[in-house]
Amino acid sequence: DILAIGEKTIYYKEGFRAFELAKKVLPDIINIAGGV
């Protein structure tokens, strides 16, 4: 139901890509970003 990701600066694109992938395959998922 929820995907929570916190990434380091150099991996922010991987974080974005994972959030976008989750929304694509599970449109109702709630994506929460955190971390530095």
Full PDB file with SEQRES, HELIX, SHEET, SSBOND, CRYST1, ORIGX, SCALE, CONECT and MASTER records, all heavy atoms in Angstrom:
SEQRES   1 A   36  ASP ILE LEU ALA ILE GLY GLU LYS THR ILE TYR TYR LYS          
SEQRES   2 A   36  GLU GLY PHE ARG ALA PHE GLU LEU ALA LYS LYS VAL LEU          
SEQRES   3 A   36  PRO ASP ILE ILE ASN ILE ALA GLY GLY VAL                      
HELIX    1 AA1 THR A    9  TYR A   11  5                                   3    
HELIX    2 AA2 TYR A   12  VAL A   25  1                                  14    
SHEET    1 AA1 2 ILE A   2  GLY A   6  0                                        
SHEET    2 AA1 2 ILE A  30  GLY A  34  1                                        
CRYST1    1.000    1.000    1.000  90.00  90.00  90.00 P 1           1          
ORIGX1      1.000000  0.000000  0.000000        0.00000                         
ORIGX2      0.000000  1.000000  0.000000        0.00000                         
ORIGX3      0.000000  0.000000  1.000000        0.00000                         
SCALE1      1.000000  0.000000  0.000000        0.00000                         
SCALE2      0.000000  1.000000  0.000000        0.00000                         
SCALE3      0.000000  0.000000  1.000000        0.00000                         
ATOM      1  N   ASP A   1       0.827  -1.208   0.000  1.00  0.00           N  
ATOM      2  CA  ASP A   1       0.000   0.000   0.000  1.00  0.00           C  
ATOM      3  C   ASP A   1       0.860   1.256   0.000  1.00  0.00           C  
ATOM      4  O   ASP A   1       0.460   2.299  -0.516  1.00  0.00           O  
ATOM      5  CB  ASP A   1      -0.903   0.030   1.240  1.00  0.00           C  
ATOM      6  CG  ASP A   1      -1.850  -1.163   1.260  1.00  0.00           C  
ATOM      7  OD1 ASP A   1      -2.632  -1.297   0.307  1.00  0.00           O  
ATOM      8  OD2 ASP A   1      -1.784  -1.949   2.221  1.00  0.00           O  
ATOM      9  N   ILE A   2       2.041   1.145   0.646  1.00  0.00           N  
ATOM     10  CA  ILE A   2       2.940   2.298   0.791  1.00  0.00           C  
ATOM     11  C   ILE A   2       4.361   1.880   0.424  1.00  0.00           C  
ATOM     12  O   ILE A   2       4.810   0.785   0.789  1.00  0.00           O  
ATOM     13  CB  ILE A   2       2.923   2.819   2.248  1.00  0.00           C  
ATOM     14  CG1 ILE A   2       1.551   3.403   2.592  1.00  0.00           C  
ATOM     15  CG2 ILE A   2       4.008   3.868   2.476  1.00  0.00           C  
ATOM     16  CD1 ILE A   2       1.419   3.814   4.052  1.00  0.00           C  
ATOM     17  N   LEU A   3       5.047   2.760  -0.286  1.00  0.00           N  
ATOM     18  CA  LEU A   3       6.472   2.580  -0.564  1.00  0.00           C  
ATOM     19  C   LEU A   3       7.201   3.792   0.008  1.00  0.00           C  
ATOM     20  O   LEU A   3       6.880   4.932  -0.321  1.00  0.00           O  
ATOM     21  CB  LEU A   3       6.738   2.478  -2.069  1.00  0.00           C  
ATOM     22  CG  LEU A   3       8.207   2.410  -2.500  1.00  0.00           C  
ATOM     23  CD1 LEU A   3       8.869   1.133  -1.992  1.00  0.00           C  
ATOM     24  CD2 LEU A   3       8.339   2.514  -4.014  1.00  0.00           C  
ATOM     25  N   ALA A   4       8.178   3.562   0.891  1.00  0.00           N  
ATOM     26  CA  ALA A   4       8.949   4.646   1.504  1.00  0.00           C  
ATOM     27  C   ALA A   4      10.413   4.490   1.139  1.00  0.00           C  
ATOM     28  O   ALA A   4      10.996   3.414   1.330  1.00  0.00           O  
ATOM     29  CB  ALA A   4       8.774   4.629   3.022  1.00  0.00           C  
ATOM     30  N   ILE A   5      11.007   5.546   0.597  1.00  0.00           N  
ATOM     31  CA  ILE A   5      12.399   5.500   0.141  1.00  0.00           C  
ATOM     32  C   ILE A   5      13.127   6.748   0.627  1.00  0.00           C  
ATOM     33  O   ILE A   5      12.633   7.861   0.518  1.00  0.00           O  
ATOM     34  CB  ILE A   5      12.498   5.455  -1.402  1.00  0.00           C  
ATOM     35  CG1 ILE A   5      11.791   4.216  -1.962  1.00  0.00           C  
ATOM     36  CG2 ILE A   5      13.958   5.473  -1.848  1.00  0.00           C  
ATOM     37  CD1 ILE A   5      11.738   4.189  -3.482  1.00  0.00           C  
ATOM     38  N   GLY A   6      14.317   6.543   1.155  1.00  0.00           N  
ATOM     39  CA  GLY A   6      15.225   7.647   1.445  1.00  0.00           C  
ATOM     40  C   GLY A   6      16.531   7.389   0.725  1.00  0.00           C  
ATOM     41  O   GLY A   6      17.099   6.310   0.847  1.00  0.00           O  
ATOM     42  N   GLU A   7      17.029   8.350  -0.040  1.00  0.00           N  
ATOM     43  CA  GLU A   7      18.237   8.111  -0.830  1.00  0.00           C  
ATOM     44  C   GLU A   7      19.325   9.148  -0.554  1.00  0.00           C  
ATOM     45  O   GLU A   7      19.045  10.279  -0.166  1.00  0.00           O  
ATOM     46  CB  GLU A   7      17.920   8.125  -2.336  1.00  0.00           C  
ATOM     47  CG  GLU A   7      17.441   6.797  -2.865  1.00  0.00           C  
ATOM     48  CD  GLU A   7      18.441   5.668  -2.700  1.00  0.00           C  
ATOM     49  OE1 GLU A   7      19.558   5.877  -2.180  1.00  0.00           O  
ATOM     50  OE2 GLU A   7      18.097   4.532  -3.089  1.00  0.00           O  
ATOM     51  N   LYS A   8      20.552   8.723  -0.793  1.00  0.00           N  
ATOM     52  CA  LYS A   8      21.670   9.661  -0.800  1.00  0.00           C  
ATOM     53  C   LYS A   8      21.571  10.530  -2.048  1.00  0.00           C  
ATOM     54  O   LYS A   8      20.904  10.184  -3.023  1.00  0.00           O  
ATOM     55  CB  LYS A   8      22.999   8.900  -0.799  1.00  0.00           C  
ATOM     56  CG  LYS A   8      23.250   8.068   0.451  1.00  0.00           C  
ATOM     57  CD  LYS A   8      24.612   7.394   0.357  1.00  0.00           C  
ATOM     58  CE  LYS A   8      24.908   6.597   1.620  1.00  0.00           C  
ATOM     59  NZ  LYS A   8      24.049   5.427   1.770  1.00  0.00           N  
ATOM     60  N   THR A   9      22.288  11.633  -2.027  1.00  0.00           N  
ATOM     61  CA  THR A   9      22.185  12.606  -3.108  1.00  0.00           C  
ATOM     62  C   THR A   9      22.495  11.994  -4.462  1.00  0.00           C  
ATOM     63  O   THR A   9      21.722  12.174  -5.421  1.00  0.00           O  
ATOM     64  CB  THR A   9      23.131  13.788  -2.838  1.00  0.00           C  
ATOM     65  OG1 THR A   9      22.794  14.373  -1.572  1.00  0.00           O  
ATOM     66  CG2 THR A   9      23.003  14.850  -3.920  1.00  0.00           C  
ATOM     67  N   ILE A  10      23.586  11.241  -4.577  1.00  0.00           N  
ATOM     68  CA  ILE A  10      23.974  10.744  -5.903  1.00  0.00           C  
ATOM     69  C   ILE A  10      23.024   9.668  -6.426  1.00  0.00           C  
ATOM     70  O   ILE A  10      23.042   9.356  -7.616  1.00  0.00           O  
ATOM     71  CB  ILE A  10      25.421  10.202  -5.923  1.00  0.00           C  
ATOM     72  CG1 ILE A  10      25.588   9.000  -4.984  1.00  0.00           C  
ATOM     73  CG2 ILE A  10      26.403  11.280  -5.578  1.00  0.00           C  
ATOM     74  CD1 ILE A  10      26.897   8.268  -5.213  1.00  0.00           C  
ATOM     75  N   TYR A  11      22.178   9.119  -5.559  1.00  0.00           N  
ATOM     76  CA  TYR A  11      21.241   8.081  -5.998  1.00  0.00           C  
ATOM     77  C   TYR A  11      19.811   8.600  -6.105  1.00  0.00           C  
ATOM     78  O   TYR A  11      18.869   7.816  -6.176  1.00  0.00           O  
ATOM     79  CB  TYR A  11      21.270   6.890  -5.028  1.00  0.00           C  
ATOM     80  CG  TYR A  11      22.620   6.221  -4.913  1.00  0.00           C  
ATOM     81  CD1 TYR A  11      23.245   6.072  -3.676  1.00  0.00           C  
ATOM     82  CD2 TYR A  11      23.283   5.746  -6.038  1.00  0.00           C  
ATOM     83  CE1 TYR A  11      24.488   5.462  -3.559  1.00  0.00           C  
ATOM     84  CE2 TYR A  11      24.520   5.134  -5.932  1.00  0.00           C  
ATOM     85  CZ  TYR A  11      25.116   4.993  -4.688  1.00  0.00           C  
ATOM     86  OH  TYR A  11      26.341   4.394  -4.590  1.00  0.00           O  
ATOM     87  N   TYR A  12      19.648   9.914  -6.118  1.00  0.00           N  
ATOM     88  CA  TYR A  12      18.277  10.433  -6.117  1.00  0.00           C  
ATOM     89  C   TYR A  12      17.511   9.998  -7.363  1.00  0.00           C  
ATOM     90  O   TYR A  12      16.293   9.776  -7.314  1.00  0.00           O  
ATOM     91  CB  TYR A  12      18.276  11.960  -5.986  1.00  0.00           C  
ATOM     92  CG  TYR A  12      18.385  12.720  -7.283  1.00  0.00           C  
ATOM     93  CD1 TYR A  12      17.241  13.078  -8.001  1.00  0.00           C  
ATOM     94  CD2 TYR A  12      19.622  13.083  -7.798  1.00  0.00           C  
ATOM     95  CE1 TYR A  12      17.337  13.773  -9.202  1.00  0.00           C  
ATOM     96  CE2 TYR A  12      19.730  13.778  -8.995  1.00  0.00           C  
ATOM     97  CZ  TYR A  12      18.590  14.115  -9.693  1.00  0.00           C  
ATOM     98  OH  TYR A  12      18.677  14.790 -10.882  1.00  0.00           O  
ATOM     99  N   LYS A  13      18.211   9.847  -8.504  1.00  0.00           N  
ATOM    100  CA  LYS A  13      17.522   9.421  -9.725  1.00  0.00           C  
ATOM    101  C   LYS A  13      17.015   7.991  -9.596  1.00  0.00           C  
ATOM    102  O   LYS A  13      15.950   7.652 -10.128  1.00  0.00           O  
ATOM    103  CB  LYS A  13      18.450   9.549 -10.932  1.00  0.00           C  
ATOM    104  CG  LYS A  13      18.689  10.993 -11.356  1.00  0.00           C  
ATOM    105  CD  LYS A  13      19.542  11.077 -12.609  1.00  0.00           C  
ATOM    106  CE  LYS A  13      19.744  12.526 -13.032  1.00  0.00           C  
ATOM    107  NZ  LYS A  13      20.625  12.642 -14.218  1.00  0.00           N  
ATOM    108  N   GLU A  14      17.779   7.138  -8.901  1.00  0.00           N  
ATOM    109  CA  GLU A  14      17.308   5.775  -8.651  1.00  0.00           C  
ATOM    110  C   GLU A  14      16.058   5.809  -7.769  1.00  0.00           C  
ATOM    111  O   GLU A  14      15.123   5.036  -7.959  1.00  0.00           O  
ATOM    112  CB  GLU A  14      18.409   4.935  -8.010  1.00  0.00           C  
ATOM    113  CG  GLU A  14      19.319   4.208  -8.972  1.00  0.00           C  
ATOM    114  CD  GLU A  14      20.312   5.121  -9.669  1.00  0.00           C  
ATOM    115  OE1 GLU A  14      20.499   6.261  -9.196  1.00  0.00           O  
ATOM    116  OE2 GLU A  14      20.901   4.706 -10.685  1.00  0.00           O  
ATOM    117  N   GLY A  15      16.052   6.721  -6.778  1.00  0.00           N  
ATOM    118  CA  GLY A  15      14.864   6.868  -5.941  1.00  0.00           C  
ATOM    119  C   GLY A  15      13.660   7.306  -6.751  1.00  0.00           C  
ATOM    120  O   GLY A  15      12.571   6.730  -6.636  1.00  0.00           O  
ATOM    121  N   PHE A  16      13.841   8.308  -7.597  1.00  0.00           N  
ATOM    122  CA  PHE A  16      12.752   8.768  -8.460  1.00  0.00           C  
ATOM    123  C   PHE A  16      12.264   7.636  -9.363  1.00  0.00           C  
ATOM    124  O   PHE A  16      11.059   7.432  -9.548  1.00  0.00           O  
ATOM    125  CB  PHE A  16      13.230   9.931  -9.330  1.00  0.00           C  
ATOM    126  CG  PHE A  16      13.293  11.260  -8.623  1.00  0.00           C  
ATOM    127  CD1 PHE A  16      13.048  11.368  -7.255  1.00  0.00           C  
ATOM    128  CD2 PHE A  16      13.599  12.422  -9.324  1.00  0.00           C  
ATOM    129  CE1 PHE A  16      13.112  12.597  -6.603  1.00  0.00           C  
ATOM    130  CE2 PHE A  16      13.661  13.650  -8.688  1.00  0.00           C  
ATOM    131  CZ  PHE A  16      13.422  13.740  -7.327  1.00  0.00           C  
ATOM    132  N   ARG A  17      13.212   6.900  -9.931  1.00  0.00           N  
ATOM    133  CA  ARG A  17      12.830   5.826 -10.855  1.00  0.00           C  
ATOM    134  C   ARG A  17      12.018   4.748 -10.149  1.00  0.00           C  
ATOM    135  O   ARG A  17      11.053   4.204 -10.713  1.00  0.00           O  
ATOM    136  CB  ARG A  17      14.087   5.217 -11.493  1.00  0.00           C  
ATOM    137  CG  ARG A  17      13.795   4.141 -12.520  1.00  0.00           C  
ATOM    138  CD  ARG A  17      15.074   3.676 -13.198  1.00  0.00           C  
ATOM    139  NE  ARG A  17      14.835   2.516 -14.054  1.00  0.00           N  
ATOM    140  CZ  ARG A  17      15.773   1.899 -14.754  1.00  0.00           C  
ATOM    141  NH1 ARG A  17      17.027   2.335 -14.722  1.00  0.00           N  
ATOM    142  NH2 ARG A  17      15.488   0.838 -15.505  1.00  0.00           N  
ATOM    143  N   ALA A  18      12.393   4.441  -8.897  1.00  0.00           N  
ATOM    144  CA  ALA A  18      11.652   3.429  -8.135  1.00  0.00           C  
ATOM    145  C   ALA A  18      10.238   3.911  -7.817  1.00  0.00           C  
ATOM    146  O   ALA A  18       9.270   3.140  -7.911  1.00  0.00           O  
ATOM    147  CB  ALA A  18      12.403   3.084  -6.851  1.00  0.00           C  
ATOM    148  N   PHE A  19      10.100   5.175  -7.444  1.00  0.00           N  
ATOM    149  CA  PHE A  19       8.762   5.727  -7.192  1.00  0.00           C  
ATOM    150  C   PHE A  19       7.903   5.680  -8.462  1.00  0.00           C  
ATOM    151  O   PHE A  19       6.718   5.323  -8.422  1.00  0.00           O  
ATOM    152  CB  PHE A  19       8.877   7.176  -6.716  1.00  0.00           C  
ATOM    153  CG  PHE A  19       9.296   7.342  -5.278  1.00  0.00           C  
ATOM    154  CD1 PHE A  19      10.332   8.203  -4.937  1.00  0.00           C  
ATOM    155  CD2 PHE A  19       8.643   6.659  -4.262  1.00  0.00           C  
ATOM    156  CE1 PHE A  19      10.709   8.370  -3.614  1.00  0.00           C  
ATOM    157  CE2 PHE A  19       9.014   6.817  -2.937  1.00  0.00           C  
ATOM    158  CZ  PHE A  19      10.059   7.673  -2.608  1.00  0.00           C  
ATOM    159  N   GLU A  20       8.512   6.045  -9.586  1.00  0.00           N  
ATOM    160  CA  GLU A  20       7.766   6.051 -10.855  1.00  0.00           C  
ATOM    161  C   GLU A  20       7.382   4.636 -11.271  1.00  0.00           C  
ATOM    162  O   GLU A  20       6.267   4.403 -11.783  1.00  0.00           O  
ATOM    163  CB  GLU A  20       8.616   6.736 -11.928  1.00  0.00           C  
ATOM    164  CG  GLU A  20       8.727   8.243 -11.696  1.00  0.00           C  
ATOM    165  CD  GLU A  20       9.899   8.876 -12.435  1.00  0.00           C  
ATOM    166  OE1 GLU A  20      10.669   8.113 -13.082  1.00  0.00           O  
ATOM    167  OE2 GLU A  20      10.064  10.105 -12.352  1.00  0.00           O  
ATOM    168  N   LEU A  21       8.283   3.690 -11.051  1.00  0.00           N  
ATOM    169  CA  LEU A  21       7.974   2.296 -11.354  1.00  0.00           C  
ATOM    170  C   LEU A  21       6.798   1.814 -10.503  1.00  0.00           C  
ATOM    171  O   LEU A  21       5.879   1.151 -11.006  1.00  0.00           O  
ATOM    172  CB  LEU A  21       9.204   1.424 -11.100  1.00  0.00           C  
ATOM    173  CG  LEU A  21       9.008  -0.085 -11.188  1.00  0.00           C  
ATOM    174  CD1 LEU A  21       8.619  -0.500 -12.613  1.00  0.00           C  
ATOM    175  CD2 LEU A  21      10.272  -0.825 -10.746  1.00  0.00           C  
ATOM    176  N   ALA A  22       6.809   2.143  -9.220  1.00  0.00           N  
ATOM    177  CA  ALA A  22       5.740   1.712  -8.315  1.00  0.00           C  
ATOM    178  C   ALA A  22       4.389   2.273  -8.750  1.00  0.00           C  
ATOM    179  O   ALA A  22       3.377   1.561  -8.756  1.00  0.00           O  
ATOM    180  CB  ALA A  22       6.067   2.140  -6.887  1.00  0.00           C  
ATOM    181  N   LYS A  23       4.346   3.554  -9.135  1.00  0.00           N  
ATOM    182  CA  LYS A  23       3.092   4.166  -9.583  1.00  0.00           C  
ATOM    183  C   LYS A  23       2.607   3.544 -10.891  1.00  0.00           C  
ATOM    184  O   LYS A  23       1.391   3.420 -11.121  1.00  0.00           O  
ATOM    185  CB  LYS A  23       3.282   5.669  -9.773  1.00  0.00           C  
ATOM    186  CG  LYS A  23       3.255   6.477  -8.495  1.00  0.00           C  
ATOM    187  CD  LYS A  23       1.842   6.590  -7.906  1.00  0.00           C  
ATOM    188  CE  LYS A  23       1.844   7.562  -6.735  1.00  0.00           C  
ATOM    189  NZ  LYS A  23       0.530   7.618  -6.063  1.00  0.00           N  
ATOM    190  N   LYS A  24       3.555   3.154 -11.723  1.00  0.00           N  
ATOM    191  CA  LYS A  24       3.173   2.564 -13.010  1.00  0.00           C  
ATOM    192  C   LYS A  24       2.503   1.209 -12.817  1.00  0.00           C  
ATOM    193  O   LYS A  24       1.457   0.926 -13.417  1.00  0.00           O  
ATOM    194  CB  LYS A  24       4.403   2.408 -13.905  1.00  0.00           C  
ATOM    195  CG  LYS A  24       4.077   1.914 -15.315  1.00  0.00           C  
ATOM    196  CD  LYS A  24       5.346   1.685 -16.143  1.00  0.00           C  
ATOM    197  CE  LYS A  24       5.816   0.256 -15.957  1.00  0.00           C  
ATOM    198  NZ  LYS A  24       6.946  -0.094 -16.860  1.00  0.00           N  
ATOM    199  N   VAL A  25       3.066   0.370 -11.957  1.00  0.00           N  
ATOM    200  CA  VAL A  25       2.530  -0.982 -11.798  1.00  0.00           C  
ATOM    201  C   VAL A  25       1.437  -1.051 -10.727  1.00  0.00           C  
ATOM    202  O   VAL A  25       0.606  -1.959 -10.746  1.00  0.00           O  
ATOM    203  CB  VAL A  25       3.651  -2.000 -11.492  1.00  0.00           C  
ATOM    204  CG1 VAL A  25       4.662  -2.022 -12.621  1.00  0.00           C  
ATOM    205  CG2 VAL A  25       4.332  -1.716 -10.169  1.00  0.00           C  
ATOM    206  N   LEU A  26       1.439  -0.101  -9.793  1.00  0.00           N  
ATOM    207  CA  LEU A  26       0.431  -0.054  -8.720  1.00  0.00           C  
ATOM    208  C   LEU A  26      -0.067   1.389  -8.592  1.00  0.00           C  
ATOM    209  O   LEU A  26       0.392   2.140  -7.720  1.00  0.00           O  
ATOM    210  CB  LEU A  26       1.032  -0.532  -7.385  1.00  0.00           C  
ATOM    211  CG  LEU A  26       1.590  -1.954  -7.338  1.00  0.00           C  
ATOM    212  CD1 LEU A  26       2.369  -2.175  -6.043  1.00  0.00           C  
ATOM    213  CD2 LEU A  26       0.477  -2.976  -7.463  1.00  0.00           C  
ATOM    214  N   PRO A  27      -0.992   1.809  -9.432  1.00  0.00           N  
ATOM    215  CA  PRO A  27      -1.409   3.223  -9.479  1.00  0.00           C  
ATOM    216  C   PRO A  27      -1.914   3.781  -8.154  1.00  0.00           C  
ATOM    217  O   PRO A  27      -1.826   4.996  -7.925  1.00  0.00           O  
ATOM    218  CB  PRO A  27      -2.525   3.224 -10.535  1.00  0.00           C  
ATOM    219  CG  PRO A  27      -2.237   2.028 -11.395  1.00  0.00           C  
ATOM    220  CD  PRO A  27      -1.667   0.998 -10.466  1.00  0.00           C  
ATOM    221  N   ASP A  28      -2.440   2.941  -7.262  1.00  0.00           N  
ATOM    222  CA  ASP A  28      -2.986   3.434  -5.999  1.00  0.00           C  
ATOM    223  C   ASP A  28      -1.963   3.479  -4.867  1.00  0.00           C  
ATOM    224  O   ASP A  28      -2.301   3.867  -3.737  1.00  0.00           O  
ATOM    225  CB  ASP A  28      -4.166   2.564  -5.559  1.00  0.00           C  
ATOM    226  CG  ASP A  28      -5.346   2.676  -6.514  1.00  0.00           C  
ATOM    227  OD1 ASP A  28      -5.504   3.768  -7.106  1.00  0.00           O  
ATOM    228  OD2 ASP A  28      -6.080   1.694  -6.672  1.00  0.00           O  
ATOM    229  N   ILE A  29      -0.720   3.086  -5.133  1.00  0.00           N  
ATOM    230  CA  ILE A  29       0.294   3.057  -4.077  1.00  0.00           C  
ATOM    231  C   ILE A  29       0.571   4.473  -3.592  1.00  0.00           C  
ATOM    232  O   ILE A  29       0.457   5.454  -4.334  1.00  0.00           O  
ATOM    233  CB  ILE A  29       1.587   2.389  -4.586  1.00  0.00           C  
ATOM    234  CG1 ILE A  29       2.471   1.962  -3.407  1.00  0.00           C  
ATOM    235  CG2 ILE A  29       2.367   3.323  -5.521  1.00  0.00           C  
ATOM    236  CD1 ILE A  29       3.645   1.085  -3.802  1.00  0.00           C  
ATOM    237  N   ILE A  30       0.912   4.604  -2.311  1.00  0.00           N  
ATOM    238  CA  ILE A  30       1.281   5.903  -1.716  1.00  0.00           C  
ATOM    239  C   ILE A  30       2.799   5.927  -1.577  1.00  0.00           C  
ATOM    240  O   ILE A  30       3.382   5.083  -0.891  1.00  0.00           O  
ATOM    241  CB  ILE A  30       0.612   6.091  -0.354  1.00  0.00           C  
ATOM    242  CG1 ILE A  30      -0.914   6.140  -0.523  1.00  0.00           C  
ATOM    243  CG2 ILE A  30       1.118   7.365   0.341  1.00  0.00           C  
ATOM    244  CD1 ILE A  30      -1.674   6.002   0.771  1.00  0.00           C  
ATOM    245  N   ASN A  31       3.445   6.884  -2.236  1.00  0.00           N  
ATOM    246  CA  ASN A  31       4.900   6.987  -2.234  1.00  0.00           C  
ATOM    247  C   ASN A  31       5.355   8.080  -1.270  1.00  0.00           C  
ATOM    248  O   ASN A  31       4.921   9.226  -1.359  1.00  0.00           O  
ATOM    249  CB  ASN A  31       5.414   7.317  -3.645  1.00  0.00           C  
ATOM    250  CG  ASN A  31       5.387   6.111  -4.569  1.00  0.00           C  
ATOM    251  OD1 ASN A  31       5.496   4.976  -4.110  1.00  0.00           O  
ATOM    252  ND2 ASN A  31       5.260   6.350  -5.863  1.00  0.00           N  
ATOM    253  N   ILE A  32       6.242   7.698  -0.350  1.00  0.00           N  
ATOM    254  CA  ILE A  32       6.745   8.623   0.669  1.00  0.00           C  
ATOM    255  C   ILE A  32       8.263   8.711   0.553  1.00  0.00           C  
ATOM    256  O   ILE A  32       8.962   7.700   0.632  1.00  0.00           O  
ATOM    257  CB  ILE A  32       6.354   8.159   2.081  1.00  0.00           C  
ATOM    258  CG1 ILE A  32       4.833   8.002   2.187  1.00  0.00           C  
ATOM    259  CG2 ILE A  32       6.884   9.131   3.132  1.00  0.00           C  
ATOM    260  CD1 ILE A  32       4.382   7.400   3.521  1.00  0.00           C  
ATOM    261  N   ALA A  33       8.765   9.922   0.361  1.00  0.00           N  
ATOM    262  CA  ALA A  33      10.208  10.158   0.301  1.00  0.00           C  
ATOM    263  C   ALA A  33      10.689  10.700   1.640  1.00  0.00           C  
ATOM    264  O   ALA A  33       9.963  11.399   2.347  1.00  0.00           O  
ATOM    265  CB  ALA A  33      10.535  11.153  -0.818  1.00  0.00           C  
ATOM    266  N   GLY A  34      11.925  10.383   2.003  1.00  0.00           N  
ATOM    267  CA  GLY A  34      12.504  10.889   3.244  1.00  0.00           C  
ATOM    268  C   GLY A  34      14.014  10.875   3.167  1.00  0.00           C  
ATOM    269  O   GLY A  34      14.601  10.622   2.110  1.00  0.00           O  
ATOM    270  N   GLY A  35      14.653  11.139   4.292  1.00  0.00           N  
ATOM    271  CA  GLY A  35      16.107  11.125   4.304  1.00  0.00           C  
ATOM    272  C   GLY A  35      16.723  12.451   3.910  1.00  0.00           C  
ATOM    273  O   GLY A  35      16.043  13.416   3.571  1.00  0.00           O  
ATOM    274  N   VAL A  36      18.045  12.471   3.907  1.00  0.00           N  
ATOM    275  CA  VAL A  36      18.775  13.733   3.820  1.00  0.00           C  
ATOM    276  C   VAL A  36      18.562  14.472   2.505  1.00  0.00           C  
ATOM    277  O   VAL A  36      18.375  15.696   2.488  1.00  0.00           O  
ATOM    278  CB  VAL A  36      20.278  13.494   4.083  1.00  0.00           C  
ATOM    279  CG1 VAL A  36      20.891  12.584   3.043  1.00  0.00           C  
ATOM    280  CG2 VAL A  36      21.025  14.816   4.146  1.00  0.00           C  
TER     281      VAL A  36                                                      
MASTER        0    0    0    2    2    0    0    6  280    1    0    3          
END                                                                             
